[in-house]
Protein backbone atom coordinates (compact mmCIF):
# COMPACT_ATOMS: atom_id res chain seq x y z
CA UNK A 1 -26.02 50.29 12.02
CA UNK A 2 -22.31 50.90 12.56
CA UNK A 3 -22.19 47.96 14.93
CA UNK A 4 -23.55 45.67 12.25
CA UNK A 5 -21.13 47.06 9.66
CA UNK A 6 -18.25 46.23 11.99
CA UNK A 7 -19.58 42.75 12.66
CA UNK A 8 -20.19 41.94 8.99
CA UNK A 9 -16.49 41.65 7.95
CA UNK A 10 -15.79 39.56 11.05
CA UNK A 11 -18.69 37.22 10.27
CA UNK A 12 -17.57 36.89 6.65
CA UNK A 13 -13.99 36.14 7.65
CA UNK A 14 -15.19 33.55 10.15
CA UNK A 15 -17.27 32.00 7.39
CA UNK A 16 -14.20 31.68 5.16
CA UNK A 17 -12.18 30.24 8.01
CA UNK A 18 -14.85 27.67 8.76
CA UNK A 19 -15.16 26.82 5.04
CA UNK A 20 -11.40 26.32 4.84
CA UNK A 21 -11.49 24.12 7.90
CA UNK A 22 -14.23 21.90 6.55
CA UNK A 23 -12.46 21.57 3.19
CA UNK A 24 -9.25 20.46 4.88
CA UNK A 25 -11.22 17.59 6.44
CA UNK A 26 -12.23 16.19 3.02
CA UNK A 27 -10.58 12.85 2.37
CA UNK A 28 -9.15 11.84 -0.98
CA UNK A 29 -11.65 10.09 -3.22
CA UNK A 30 -11.07 6.45 -4.24
CA UNK A 31 -11.08 7.51 -7.91
CA UNK A 32 -8.25 9.97 -7.29
CA UNK A 33 -6.19 7.34 -5.47
CA UNK A 34 -6.80 4.73 -8.19
CA UNK A 35 -5.81 7.27 -10.84
CA UNK A 36 -2.51 7.92 -9.05
CA UNK A 37 -1.81 4.18 -8.84
CA UNK A 38 -2.69 3.57 -12.50
CA UNK A 39 -0.48 6.42 -13.70
CA UNK A 40 2.45 5.11 -11.67
CA UNK A 41 2.50 7.94 -9.15
CA UNK A 42 3.12 5.54 -6.27
CA UNK A 43 4.48 8.16 -3.89
CA UNK A 44 1.38 10.34 -4.27
CA UNK A 45 -0.93 7.32 -3.98
CA UNK A 46 0.89 6.25 -0.81
CA UNK A 47 0.45 9.74 0.67
CA UNK A 48 -3.28 9.78 -0.13
CA UNK A 49 -3.85 6.30 1.31
CA UNK A 50 -1.97 7.15 4.48
CA UNK A 51 -4.06 10.32 4.79
CA UNK A 52 -7.22 8.22 4.68
CA UNK A 53 -5.80 5.79 7.25
CA UNK A 54 -5.02 8.68 9.60
CA UNK A 55 -8.76 9.38 9.71
CA UNK A 56 -9.86 5.74 9.94
CA UNK A 57 -7.40 2.87 10.42
CA UNK A 58 -10.14 0.24 10.13
CA UNK A 59 -10.66 0.45 6.36
CA UNK A 60 -9.54 -2.93 5.04
CA UNK A 61 -9.70 -1.90 1.37
CA UNK A 62 -7.37 1.03 2.00
CA UNK A 63 -4.83 -1.28 3.62
CA UNK A 64 -5.20 -3.59 0.62
CA UNK A 65 -4.62 -0.72 -1.82
CA UNK A 66 -1.60 0.44 0.19
CA UNK A 67 -0.18 -3.07 -0.04
CA UNK A 68 -0.47 -2.84 -3.83
CA UNK A 69 1.47 0.43 -3.82
CA UNK A 70 4.21 -1.12 -1.68
CA UNK A 71 4.25 -4.16 -3.99
CA UNK A 72 4.86 -2.02 -7.07
CA UNK A 73 7.68 -0.28 -5.21
CA UNK A 74 9.27 -3.65 -4.39
CA UNK A 75 8.63 -3.25 -0.65
CA UNK A 76 7.24 -6.75 -0.22
CA UNK A 77 7.43 -6.98 3.58
CA UNK A 78 5.48 -3.75 3.94
CA UNK A 79 2.98 -5.00 1.35
CA UNK A 80 2.58 -8.25 3.27
CA UNK A 81 2.06 -6.36 6.52
CA UNK A 82 -0.73 -4.26 4.96
CA UNK A 83 -2.33 -7.40 3.51
CA UNK A 84 -2.35 -9.02 6.94
CA UNK A 85 -3.96 -5.93 8.45
CA UNK A 86 -6.62 -5.92 5.71
CA UNK A 87 -7.38 -9.62 6.30
CA UNK A 88 -7.56 -9.09 10.06
CA UNK A 89 -9.99 -6.18 9.64
CA UNK A 90 -12.14 -8.04 7.11
CA UNK A 91 -11.67 -11.83 7.42
CA UNK A 92 -14.18 -12.44 4.60
CA UNK A 93 -12.08 -10.28 2.24
CA UNK A 94 -15.22 -8.59 0.93
CA UNK A 95 -13.14 -5.80 -0.63
CA UNK A 96 -11.82 -8.07 -3.42
CA UNK A 97 -12.15 -11.53 -4.94
CA UNK A 98 -11.01 -14.15 -2.39
CA UNK A 99 -9.10 -16.24 -4.92
CA UNK A 100 -7.30 -13.15 -6.22
CA UNK A 101 -6.48 -12.13 -2.67
CA UNK A 102 -5.04 -15.55 -1.87
CA UNK A 103 -2.96 -15.60 -5.06
CA UNK A 104 -1.74 -12.04 -4.46
CA UNK A 105 -0.82 -12.83 -0.85
CA UNK A 106 1.11 -15.92 -1.92
CA UNK A 107 2.95 -13.88 -4.54
CA UNK A 108 3.83 -11.14 -2.06
CA UNK A 109 4.94 -13.69 0.56
CA UNK A 110 7.09 -15.49 -1.98
CA UNK A 111 8.78 -12.31 -3.21
CA UNK A 112 9.34 -11.08 0.35
CA UNK A 113 10.99 -14.38 1.21
CA UNK A 114 13.28 -14.27 -1.83
CA UNK A 115 14.23 -10.65 -1.22
CA UNK A 116 14.97 -11.33 2.46
CA UNK A 117 17.00 -14.42 1.58
CA UNK A 118 19.10 -12.57 -0.99
CA UNK A 119 19.68 -9.73 1.45
CA UNK A 120 20.74 -12.16 4.17
CA UNK A 121 23.13 -13.86 1.78
CA UNK A 122 24.70 -10.54 0.81
CA UNK A 123 25.00 -9.54 4.44
CA UNK A 124 26.67 -12.79 5.44
CA UNK A 125 30.41 -12.29 5.63
CA UNK A 126 31.31 -15.97 5.97
CA UNK A 127 29.80 -17.14 2.69
CA UNK A 128 32.10 -17.48 -0.28
CA UNK A 129 31.26 -16.61 -3.87
CA UNK A 130 30.45 -20.23 -4.79
CA UNK A 131 27.87 -20.51 -1.98
CA UNK A 132 26.21 -17.29 -3.09
CA UNK A 133 26.17 -18.47 -6.72
CA UNK A 134 24.59 -21.81 -5.73
CA UNK A 135 21.98 -20.12 -3.57
CA UNK A 136 21.09 -17.63 -6.30
CA UNK A 137 20.70 -20.46 -8.83
CA UNK A 138 18.40 -22.24 -6.37
CA UNK A 139 16.32 -19.11 -5.82
CA UNK A 140 16.09 -18.57 -9.58
CA UNK A 141 14.84 -22.14 -9.92
CA UNK A 142 12.22 -21.46 -7.24
CA UNK A 143 11.17 -18.32 -9.08
CA UNK A 144 10.75 -20.22 -12.36
CA UNK A 145 8.77 -22.98 -10.64
CA UNK A 146 6.59 -20.34 -8.97
CA UNK A 147 5.89 -18.68 -12.32
CA UNK A 148 5.06 -21.99 -13.99
CA UNK A 149 2.58 -22.98 -11.25
CA UNK A 150 1.13 -19.48 -10.97
CA UNK A 151 0.57 -19.08 -14.74
CA UNK A 152 -2.80 -20.91 -14.82
CA UNK A 153 -4.14 -18.54 -12.15
CA UNK A 154 -3.11 -15.30 -13.90
């Protein structure tokens, strides 16, 4: 009887350890991630999405959601990279509406291009203030044209 009494606490503690281990393997639920995105907690949403991707990198919808988080943070190149991964994993884009995906990808590509161009202009030492002003006016014009043509699709 004493042997069993000594084994009982050890078995119980092992049970708690194994329960703790299995709970640490639980992935975040899509609802929880969506809630973080909707409430503007982009950093938390990014952490949760990356946690899911650590377990399975082949989930196209998760890459798509991560691209949306990067987009809201203004990290357009990272958003575009995640979109490309999602499209490569699921060429039929079954995780969202195809037309919405195409429009979103065009928007992300466009904003990434503008951001990269502005950064390159700021980094260029040889350009004078007038060149930068002209280029910024041109980019603003492109932005306005993009908004006008995108409006019917929004």
